[in-house]
Amino acid sequence: MLAERNPTAAYRRVEFDARVSASDPRQLLALCYEQLIAALGSALFADEKSDNRLKSESLTRAISAITALQLGVSENGGLADVLHQLYTAARQAILGNVLSFDPQKIAEIRQDFIDISTAIANS
């Protein structure tokens, strides 16, 4: 964080770290979904503005969020296989958009995770 040149990004990172350290597993799951949804939204915005740097950073953040979700899947749960398949497919689709960006595909993935996040929050 000390090498961070953007004060807004530094403060955002501190806020994120504080939220992570104070979260229980359910809150961490919600945070990962929130980060993934925001990163995909940012990638779509960057594509509209032809900002390849932001698009690349956003896709990288999305992949990081997917990785965290994959690592957090409990092997004991009945949904473990389904979640692994979902996260693996999403990760592959996002990686496929690094070189050939398809805004419709990214929007679909983003909406899927919005729907899942909403369902979890309402359960």
Protein backbone atom coordinates (compact mmCIF):
# COMPACT_ATOMS: atom_id res chain seq x y z
CA MET A 1 0.00 0.00 0.00
CA LEU A 2 2.90 2.39 0.61
CA ALA A 3 3.71 2.35 -3.10
CA GLU A 4 0.16 3.37 -3.94
CA ARG A 5 0.20 6.67 -5.82
CA ASN A 6 -3.53 7.17 -5.90
CA PRO A 7 -4.86 8.31 -2.50
CA THR A 8 -8.41 7.24 -3.36
CA ALA A 9 -7.22 3.73 -4.18
CA ALA A 10 -5.17 3.63 -0.98
CA TYR A 11 -8.17 4.58 1.15
CA ARG A 12 -10.34 2.08 -0.71
CA ARG A 13 -7.75 -0.62 0.02
CA VAL A 14 -7.68 0.27 3.73
CA GLU A 15 -11.49 0.16 3.85
CA PHE A 16 -11.49 -3.21 2.07
CA ASP A 17 -8.88 -4.65 4.45
CA ALA A 18 -10.89 -3.44 7.46
CA ARG A 19 -14.06 -5.03 6.10
CA VAL A 20 -12.27 -8.32 5.47
CA SER A 21 -10.74 -8.49 8.95
CA ALA A 22 -14.09 -7.79 10.63
CA SER A 23 -16.14 -10.24 8.52
CA ASP A 24 -17.58 -13.63 9.28
CA PRO A 25 -17.71 -16.26 6.48
CA ARG A 26 -21.12 -15.14 5.19
CA GLN A 27 -19.98 -11.50 5.08
CA LEU A 28 -16.78 -12.53 3.28
CA LEU A 29 -18.86 -14.33 0.67
CA ALA A 30 -21.00 -11.23 0.20
CA LEU A 31 -17.86 -9.09 -0.07
CA CYS A 32 -16.38 -11.35 -2.76
CA TYR A 33 -19.61 -11.19 -4.76
CA GLU A 34 -19.70 -7.42 -4.32
CA GLN A 35 -16.12 -7.10 -5.55
CA LEU A 36 -16.76 -9.40 -8.53
CA ILE A 37 -19.92 -7.55 -9.56
CA ALA A 38 -18.22 -4.16 -9.22
CA ALA A 39 -15.15 -5.30 -11.18
CA LEU A 40 -17.27 -6.63 -14.04
CA GLY A 41 -19.29 -3.41 -14.07
CA SER A 42 -16.08 -1.42 -14.18
CA ALA A 43 -14.82 -3.53 -17.09
CA LEU A 44 -18.03 -2.81 -19.01
CA PHE A 45 -17.71 0.91 -18.29
CA ALA A 46 -14.05 0.88 -19.37
CA ASP A 47 -14.96 -0.87 -22.60
CA GLU A 48 -17.57 1.80 -23.38
CA LYS A 49 -14.93 4.50 -22.78
CA SER A 50 -12.22 2.58 -24.69
CA ASP A 51 -10.05 2.61 -21.57
CA ASN A 52 -7.99 -0.56 -21.99
CA ARG A 53 -5.94 0.05 -18.84
CA LEU A 54 -9.04 0.23 -16.63
CA LYS A 55 -10.61 -2.70 -18.45
CA SER A 56 -7.52 -4.82 -17.81
CA GLU A 57 -7.37 -3.79 -14.14
CA SER A 58 -11.07 -4.54 -13.74
CA LEU A 59 -10.81 -7.99 -15.30
CA THR A 60 -7.82 -8.73 -13.06
CA ARG A 61 -9.88 -7.74 -9.99
CA ALA A 62 -12.73 -9.95 -11.22
CA ILE A 63 -10.38 -12.91 -11.58
CA SER A 64 -9.04 -12.26 -8.07
CA ALA A 65 -12.59 -12.26 -6.68
CA ILE A 66 -13.42 -15.51 -8.50
CA THR A 67 -10.23 -17.06 -7.15
CA ALA A 68 -11.18 -16.07 -3.60
CA LEU A 69 -14.63 -17.57 -4.12
CA GLN A 70 -13.13 -20.79 -5.45
CA LEU A 71 -10.76 -21.06 -2.49
CA GLY A 72 -13.61 -20.48 -0.06
CA VAL A 73 -15.82 -23.34 -1.22
CA SER A 74 -16.32 -25.84 1.60
CA GLU A 75 -15.68 -29.36 0.37
CA ASN A 76 -18.21 -30.63 2.91
CA GLY A 77 -21.19 -28.79 1.48
CA GLY A 78 -23.65 -30.40 -0.89
CA LEU A 79 -23.23 -27.49 -3.31
CA ALA A 80 -19.45 -27.73 -3.51
CA ASP A 81 -19.38 -29.38 -6.95
CA VAL A 82 -21.94 -26.95 -8.37
CA LEU A 83 -20.06 -23.95 -6.97
CA HIS A 84 -16.74 -25.22 -8.32
CA GLN A 85 -18.32 -25.63 -11.77
CA LEU A 86 -19.92 -22.18 -11.62
CA TYR A 87 -16.73 -20.43 -10.51
CA THR A 88 -14.55 -22.35 -12.98
CA ALA A 89 -16.86 -21.50 -15.88
CA ALA A 90 -17.01 -17.83 -14.84
CA ARG A 91 -13.23 -17.68 -14.45
CA GLN A 92 -12.68 -19.22 -17.90
CA ALA A 93 -15.18 -16.82 -19.48
CA ILE A 94 -13.54 -13.80 -17.84
CA LEU A 95 -10.08 -14.96 -18.90
CA GLY A 96 -11.41 -15.44 -22.43
CA ASN A 97 -12.47 -11.80 -22.43
CA VAL A 98 -9.00 -10.51 -21.66
CA LEU A 99 -7.93 -10.72 -25.32
CA SER A 100 -11.32 -10.63 -27.03
CA PHE A 101 -13.75 -8.59 -24.96
CA ASP A 102 -17.43 -9.49 -25.32
CA PRO A 103 -19.49 -6.96 -23.35
CA GLN A 104 -22.65 -9.06 -23.66
CA LYS A 105 -20.93 -12.10 -22.09
CA ILE A 106 -19.47 -10.00 -19.27
CA ALA A 107 -22.89 -8.42 -18.65
CA GLU A 108 -24.47 -11.90 -18.49
CA ILE A 109 -21.88 -13.14 -15.99
CA ARG A 110 -22.33 -9.99 -13.93
CA GLN A 111 -26.12 -10.40 -13.89
CA ASP A 112 -25.79 -14.06 -12.88
CA PHE A 113 -23.72 -13.06 -9.87
CA ILE A 114 -26.09 -10.20 -9.01
CA ASP A 115 -28.93 -12.74 -9.00
CA ILE A 116 -26.97 -15.19 -6.83
CA SER A 117 -25.89 -12.44 -4.45
CA THR A 118 -29.47 -11.21 -4.10
CA ALA A 119 -30.72 -14.75 -3.44
CA ILE A 120 -28.08 -15.29 -0.75
CA ALA A 121 -28.88 -11.97 0.90
CA ASN A 122 -32.59 -12.82 0.98
CA SER A 123 -32.09 -16.30 2.41
